Amino acid sequence: DVMMPNMDGFTLAEEIRNVDPDIPLFFLSAKSMKEDILNGYKLGADDYITKPFDSEVLLHKIKAILKRNQELQEKQHSQVEFTVGRYHFNSKLRTLQFDGGEPQTLSPKENELLLMLCEYKNDLLPRDAALKRIWGSDTYFNGRSMDVYIAKLRKYLKEDSTVEIVN
């Protein structure tokens, strides 16, 4: 809602977008001026619905947006198995296996980070993108946490000298 008691909806929308730019965002408001509606869309709203509204129509709009977002996420993660040097990485099973040896089970964050690194293989992975997707925000403390996970992944991948994570 645009008119909330402690913080207006536009400010909240900006904060949400800073944390997760892909989260579905709807404005439900009595403010129906063109400037307000345009402001909502400029902040990345999926829809701006003015009051009074039909709850059945709102429900169908929300379902359509959520379905579209789910399909996009499924497409992003369509590849689940990767070859990294002499390693086999299965992101669905969260396993990393060297030359057919015993598979190493990765933690959820290790898995997600290695998956992102595989998706960005031979390219730059923006630090803030990884922090926002895996940790939810790019704060200093989350950044330090990610550095620890990068160090862990480097240890897991040390058997193959052709594989490196460079920053």
C-alpha atoms as a PDB file:
ATOM      1  CA  ASP A   1       0.000   0.000   0.000  1.00  0.00           C
ATOM      2  CA  VAL A   2       1.342   3.429  -0.856  1.00  0.00           C
ATOM      3  CA  MET A   3      -0.119   5.032   2.294  1.00  0.00           C
ATOM      4  CA  MET A   4       1.215   3.045   5.254  1.00  0.00           C
ATOM      5  CA  PRO A   5       1.775   4.465   8.760  1.00  0.00           C
ATOM      6  CA  ASN A   6       5.563   4.220   9.291  1.00  0.00           C
ATOM      7  CA  MET A   7       6.917   4.037   5.757  1.00  0.00           C
ATOM      8  CA  ASP A   8       5.214   4.746   2.461  1.00  0.00           C
ATOM      9  CA  GLY A   9       4.885   1.916  -0.055  1.00  0.00           C
ATOM     10  CA  PHE A  10       7.218   3.553  -2.569  1.00  0.00           C
ATOM     11  CA  THR A  11      10.083   3.616  -0.055  1.00  0.00           C
ATOM     12  CA  LEU A  12       9.382   0.027   0.969  1.00  0.00           C
ATOM     13  CA  ALA A  13       9.351  -1.016  -2.713  1.00  0.00           C
ATOM     14  CA  GLU A  14      12.795   0.576  -3.200  1.00  0.00           C
ATOM     15  CA  GLU A  15      14.145  -1.324  -0.190  1.00  0.00           C
ATOM     16  CA  ILE A  16      12.651  -4.602  -1.448  1.00  0.00           C
ATOM     17  CA  ARG A  17      14.180  -4.043  -4.901  1.00  0.00           C
ATOM     18  CA  ASN A  18      17.601  -3.437  -3.307  1.00  0.00           C
ATOM     19  CA  VAL A  19      17.403  -6.824  -1.568  1.00  0.00           C
ATOM     20  CA  ASP A  20      15.812  -8.855  -4.371  1.00  0.00           C
ATOM     21  CA  PRO A  21      15.187  -7.281  -7.776  1.00  0.00           C
ATOM     22  CA  ASP A  22      13.200 -10.299  -8.967  1.00  0.00           C
ATOM     23  CA  ILE A  23      10.583 -10.602  -6.210  1.00  0.00           C
ATOM     24  CA  PRO A  24       7.043  -9.966  -7.482  1.00  0.00           C
ATOM     25  CA  LEU A  25       5.759  -6.572  -6.382  1.00  0.00           C
ATOM     26  CA  PHE A  26       2.168  -5.295  -6.427  1.00  0.00           C
ATOM     27  CA  PHE A  27       0.828  -1.945  -5.323  1.00  0.00           C
ATOM     28  CA  LEU A  28      -2.699  -1.892  -3.902  1.00  0.00           C
ATOM     29  CA  SER A  29      -3.632   1.690  -3.208  1.00  0.00           C
ATOM     30  CA  ALA A  30      -6.397   4.249  -3.081  1.00  0.00           C
ATOM     31  CA  LYS A  31      -3.946   6.678  -4.730  1.00  0.00           C
ATOM     32  CA  SER A  32      -4.980   6.595  -8.365  1.00  0.00           C
ATOM     33  CA  MET A  33      -3.220   9.663  -9.760  1.00  0.00           C
ATOM     34  CA  LYS A  34      -1.240   9.003 -12.923  1.00  0.00           C
ATOM     35  CA  GLU A  35       1.990  10.150 -11.222  1.00  0.00           C
ATOM     36  CA  ASP A  36       1.541   7.608  -8.392  1.00  0.00           C
ATOM     37  CA  ILE A  37       0.833   4.757 -10.803  1.00  0.00           C
ATOM     38  CA  LEU A  38       3.852   5.665 -12.966  1.00  0.00           C
ATOM     39  CA  ASN A  39       6.036   5.935  -9.855  1.00  0.00           C
ATOM     40  CA  GLY A  40       4.980   2.418  -8.838  1.00  0.00           C
ATOM     41  CA  TYR A  41       5.882   1.017 -12.238  1.00  0.00           C
ATOM     42  CA  LYS A  42       9.183   2.944 -12.282  1.00  0.00           C
ATOM     43  CA  LEU A  43      10.056   1.196  -9.006  1.00  0.00           C
ATOM     44  CA  GLY A  44       9.553  -2.150 -10.734  1.00  0.00           C
ATOM     45  CA  ALA A  45       5.982  -3.042  -9.806  1.00  0.00           C
ATOM     46  CA  ASP A  46       4.467  -5.989 -11.623  1.00  0.00           C
ATOM     47  CA  ASP A  47       1.097  -4.315 -11.245  1.00  0.00           C
ATOM     48  CA  TYR A  48      -0.503  -1.247  -9.655  1.00  0.00           C
ATOM     49  CA  ILE A  49      -4.084  -1.877  -8.615  1.00  0.00           C
ATOM     50  CA  THR A  50      -6.319   0.910  -7.371  1.00  0.00           C
ATOM     51  CA  LYS A  51      -8.940   0.503  -4.670  1.00  0.00           C
ATOM     52  CA  PRO A  52     -11.637  -0.650  -4.764  1.00  0.00           C
ATOM     53  CA  PHE A  53     -10.519  -3.801  -6.547  1.00  0.00           C
ATOM     54  CA  ASP A  54     -11.954  -7.200  -7.347  1.00  0.00           C
ATOM     55  CA  SER A  55     -10.241  -9.786  -5.113  1.00  0.00           C
ATOM     56  CA  GLU A  56     -10.811 -12.582  -7.634  1.00  0.00           C
ATOM     57  CA  VAL A  57      -9.049 -10.586 -10.375  1.00  0.00           C
ATOM     58  CA  LEU A  58      -6.205  -9.782  -7.942  1.00  0.00           C
ATOM     59  CA  LEU A  59      -5.802 -13.462  -7.071  1.00  0.00           C
ATOM     60  CA  HIS A  60      -5.525 -14.414 -10.757  1.00  0.00           C
ATOM     61  CA  LYS A  61      -2.992 -11.652 -11.407  1.00  0.00           C
ATOM     62  CA  ILE A  62      -0.848 -12.842  -8.495  1.00  0.00           C
ATOM     63  CA  LYS A  63      -1.031 -16.472  -9.676  1.00  0.00           C
ATOM     64  CA  ALA A  64      -0.018 -15.459 -13.218  1.00  0.00           C
ATOM     65  CA  ILE A  65       2.999 -13.455 -12.006  1.00  0.00           C
ATOM     66  CA  LEU A  66       4.125 -16.198  -9.607  1.00  0.00           C
ATOM     67  CA  LYS A  67       3.799 -18.837 -12.342  1.00  0.00           C
ATOM     68  CA  ARG A  68       5.851 -16.720 -14.744  1.00  0.00           C
ATOM     69  CA  ASN A  69       8.564 -16.174 -12.117  1.00  0.00           C
ATOM     70  CA  GLN A  70       8.664 -19.890 -11.279  1.00  0.00           C
ATOM     71  CA  GLU A  71       9.059 -20.784 -14.964  1.00  0.00           C
ATOM     72  CA  LEU A  72      11.929 -18.283 -15.274  1.00  0.00           C
ATOM     73  CA  GLN A  73      13.688 -19.753 -12.231  1.00  0.00           C
ATOM     74  CA  GLU A  74      13.261 -23.277 -13.575  1.00  0.00           C
ATOM     75  CA  LYS A  75      14.814 -22.193 -16.882  1.00  0.00           C
ATOM     76  CA  GLN A  76      17.742 -20.594 -15.033  1.00  0.00           C
ATOM     77  CA  HIS A  77      18.424 -23.840 -13.191  1.00  0.00           C
ATOM     78  CA  SER A  78      17.643 -26.228 -16.038  1.00  0.00           C
ATOM     79  CA  GLN A  79      21.198 -27.586 -16.095  1.00  0.00           C
ATOM     80  CA  VAL A  80      21.950 -29.488 -12.907  1.00  0.00           C
ATOM     81  CA  GLU A  81      25.115 -31.405 -13.834  1.00  0.00           C
ATOM     82  CA  PHE A  82      28.427 -29.771 -14.666  1.00  0.00           C
ATOM     83  CA  THR A  83      31.955 -30.863 -15.485  1.00  0.00           C
ATOM     84  CA  VAL A  84      34.487 -28.659 -13.736  1.00  0.00           C
ATOM     85  CA  GLY A  85      37.937 -29.786 -14.810  1.00  0.00           C
ATOM     86  CA  ARG A  86      38.182 -33.368 -13.531  1.00  0.00           C
ATOM     87  CA  TYR A  87      35.230 -32.851 -11.177  1.00  0.00           C
ATOM     88  CA  HIS A  88      31.607 -33.790 -11.665  1.00  0.00           C
ATOM     89  CA  PHE A  89      29.170 -31.417  -9.936  1.00  0.00           C
ATOM     90  CA  ASN A  90      25.500 -32.292  -9.471  1.00  0.00           C
ATOM     91  CA  SER A  91      23.659 -29.273  -8.086  1.00  0.00           C
ATOM     92  CA  LYS A  92      20.426 -31.206  -7.568  1.00  0.00           C
ATOM     93  CA  LEU A  93      22.108 -33.828  -5.361  1.00  0.00           C
ATOM     94  CA  ARG A  94      24.569 -31.226  -3.977  1.00  0.00           C
ATOM     95  CA  THR A  95      27.550 -33.472  -4.755  1.00  0.00           C
ATOM     96  CA  LEU A  96      31.037 -32.760  -6.033  1.00  0.00           C
ATOM     97  CA  GLN A  97      33.012 -35.783  -7.217  1.00  0.00           C
ATOM     98  CA  PHE A  98      36.674 -35.920  -8.292  1.00  0.00           C
ATOM     99  CA  ASP A  99      37.595 -38.405 -11.074  1.00  0.00           C
ATOM    100  CA  GLY A 100      34.857 -40.894 -10.164  1.00  0.00           C
ATOM    101  CA  GLY A 101      35.929 -41.012  -6.519  1.00  0.00           C
ATOM    102  CA  GLU A 102      33.785 -40.637  -3.428  1.00  0.00           C
ATOM    103  CA  PRO A 103      31.320 -37.735  -3.831  1.00  0.00           C
ATOM    104  CA  GLN A 104      31.615 -34.793  -1.424  1.00  0.00           C
ATOM    105  CA  THR A 105      28.245 -33.502  -0.186  1.00  0.00           C
ATOM    106  CA  LEU A 106      28.047 -29.716  -0.267  1.00  0.00           C
ATOM    107  CA  SER A 107      26.099 -27.503   2.113  1.00  0.00           C
ATOM    108  CA  PRO A 108      23.167 -25.622   0.567  1.00  0.00           C
ATOM    109  CA  LYS A 109      25.142 -22.355   0.394  1.00  0.00           C
ATOM    110  CA  GLU A 110      28.263 -24.078  -1.004  1.00  0.00           C
ATOM    111  CA  ASN A 111      26.050 -25.736  -3.597  1.00  0.00           C
ATOM    112  CA  GLU A 112      24.296 -22.529  -4.627  1.00  0.00           C
ATOM    113  CA  LEU A 113      27.591 -20.644  -4.830  1.00  0.00           C
ATOM    114  CA  LEU A 114      29.261 -23.346  -6.942  1.00  0.00           C
ATOM    115  CA  LEU A 115      26.160 -23.444  -9.159  1.00  0.00           C
ATOM    116  CA  MET A 116      26.408 -19.706  -9.754  1.00  0.00           C
ATOM    117  CA  LEU A 117      30.125 -20.013 -10.485  1.00  0.00           C
ATOM    118  CA  CYS A 118      29.344 -22.761 -13.027  1.00  0.00           C
ATOM    119  CA  GLU A 119      26.642 -20.617 -14.625  1.00  0.00           C
ATOM    120  CA  TYR A 120      29.204 -17.805 -14.956  1.00  0.00           C
ATOM    121  CA  LYS A 121      32.083 -20.087 -16.022  1.00  0.00           C
ATOM    122  CA  ASN A 122      34.861 -18.074 -17.719  1.00  0.00           C
ATOM    123  CA  ASP A 123      32.923 -14.897 -16.990  1.00  0.00           C
ATOM    124  CA  LEU A 124      32.617 -12.397 -14.160  1.00  0.00           C
ATOM    125  CA  LEU A 125      30.133 -13.268 -11.439  1.00  0.00           C
ATOM    126  CA  PRO A 126      29.053  -9.979  -9.872  1.00  0.00           C
ATOM    127  CA  ARG A 127      29.668 -10.215  -6.127  1.00  0.00           C
ATOM    128  CA  ASP A 128      26.469  -8.358  -5.270  1.00  0.00           C
ATOM    129  CA  ALA A 129      24.416 -10.725  -7.468  1.00  0.00           C
ATOM    130  CA  ALA A 130      25.741 -13.767  -5.596  1.00  0.00           C
ATOM    131  CA  LEU A 131      25.230 -12.103  -2.230  1.00  0.00           C
ATOM    132  CA  LYS A 132      21.660 -11.064  -3.026  1.00  0.00           C
ATOM    133  CA  ARG A 133      20.668 -14.430  -4.523  1.00  0.00           C
ATOM    134  CA  ILE A 134      22.259 -16.650  -1.868  1.00  0.00           C
ATOM    135  CA  TRP A 135      22.363 -14.509   1.292  1.00  0.00           C
ATOM    136  CA  GLY A 136      19.485 -12.133   0.547  1.00  0.00           C
ATOM    137  CA  SER A 137      21.532  -8.913   0.792  1.00  0.00           C
ATOM    138  CA  ASP A 138      25.005  -7.614   0.064  1.00  0.00           C
ATOM    139  CA  THR A 139      25.961  -6.402   3.548  1.00  0.00           C
ATOM    140  CA  TYR A 140      29.557  -6.417   4.767  1.00  0.00           C
ATOM    141  CA  PHE A 141      28.965  -9.408   7.074  1.00  0.00           C
ATOM    142  CA  ASN A 142      27.323 -11.454   4.323  1.00  0.00           C
ATOM    143  CA  GLY A 143      30.273 -10.589   2.100  1.00  0.00           C
ATOM    144  CA  ARG A 144      32.699 -11.933   4.685  1.00  0.00           C
ATOM    145  CA  SER A 145      30.584 -15.075   4.984  1.00  0.00           C
ATOM    146  CA  MET A 146      30.738 -15.545   1.218  1.00  0.00           C
ATOM    147  CA  ASP A 147      34.546 -15.204   1.354  1.00  0.00           C
ATOM    148  CA  VAL A 148      34.623 -18.153   3.783  1.00  0.00           C
ATOM    149  CA  TYR A 149      32.495 -20.245   1.402  1.00  0.00           C
ATOM    150  CA  ILE A 150      34.758 -19.339  -1.535  1.00  0.00           C
ATOM    151  CA  ALA A 151      37.757 -20.547   0.515  1.00  0.00           C
ATOM    152  CA  LYS A 152      35.910 -23.825   1.238  1.00  0.00           C
ATOM    153  CA  LEU A 153      35.141 -24.340  -2.457  1.00  0.00           C
ATOM    154  CA  ARG A 154      38.785 -23.721  -3.342  1.00  0.00           C
ATOM    155  CA  LYS A 155      39.779 -26.481  -0.891  1.00  0.00           C
ATOM    156  CA  TYR A 156      37.256 -28.877  -2.442  1.00  0.00           C
ATOM    157  CA  LEU A 157      38.616 -28.106  -5.928  1.00  0.00           C
ATOM    158  CA  LYS A 158      42.344 -28.196  -5.078  1.00  0.00           C
ATOM    159  CA  GLU A 159      42.944 -31.705  -6.563  1.00  0.00           C
ATOM    160  CA  ASP A 160      42.745 -30.289 -10.089  1.00  0.00           C
ATOM    161  CA  SER A 161      45.244 -27.472 -10.626  1.00  0.00           C
ATOM    162  CA  THR A 162      43.460 -26.396 -13.838  1.00  0.00           C
ATOM    163  CA  VAL A 163      40.399 -25.345 -11.828  1.00  0.00           C
ATOM    164  CA  GLU A 164      40.570 -22.043 -10.026  1.00  0.00           C
ATOM    165  CA  ILE A 165      38.254 -19.434  -8.580  1.00  0.00           C
ATOM    166  CA  VAL A 166      39.800 -16.056  -9.297  1.00  0.00           C
ATOM    167  CA  ASN A 167      38.730 -12.797  -7.688  1.00  0.00           C
END
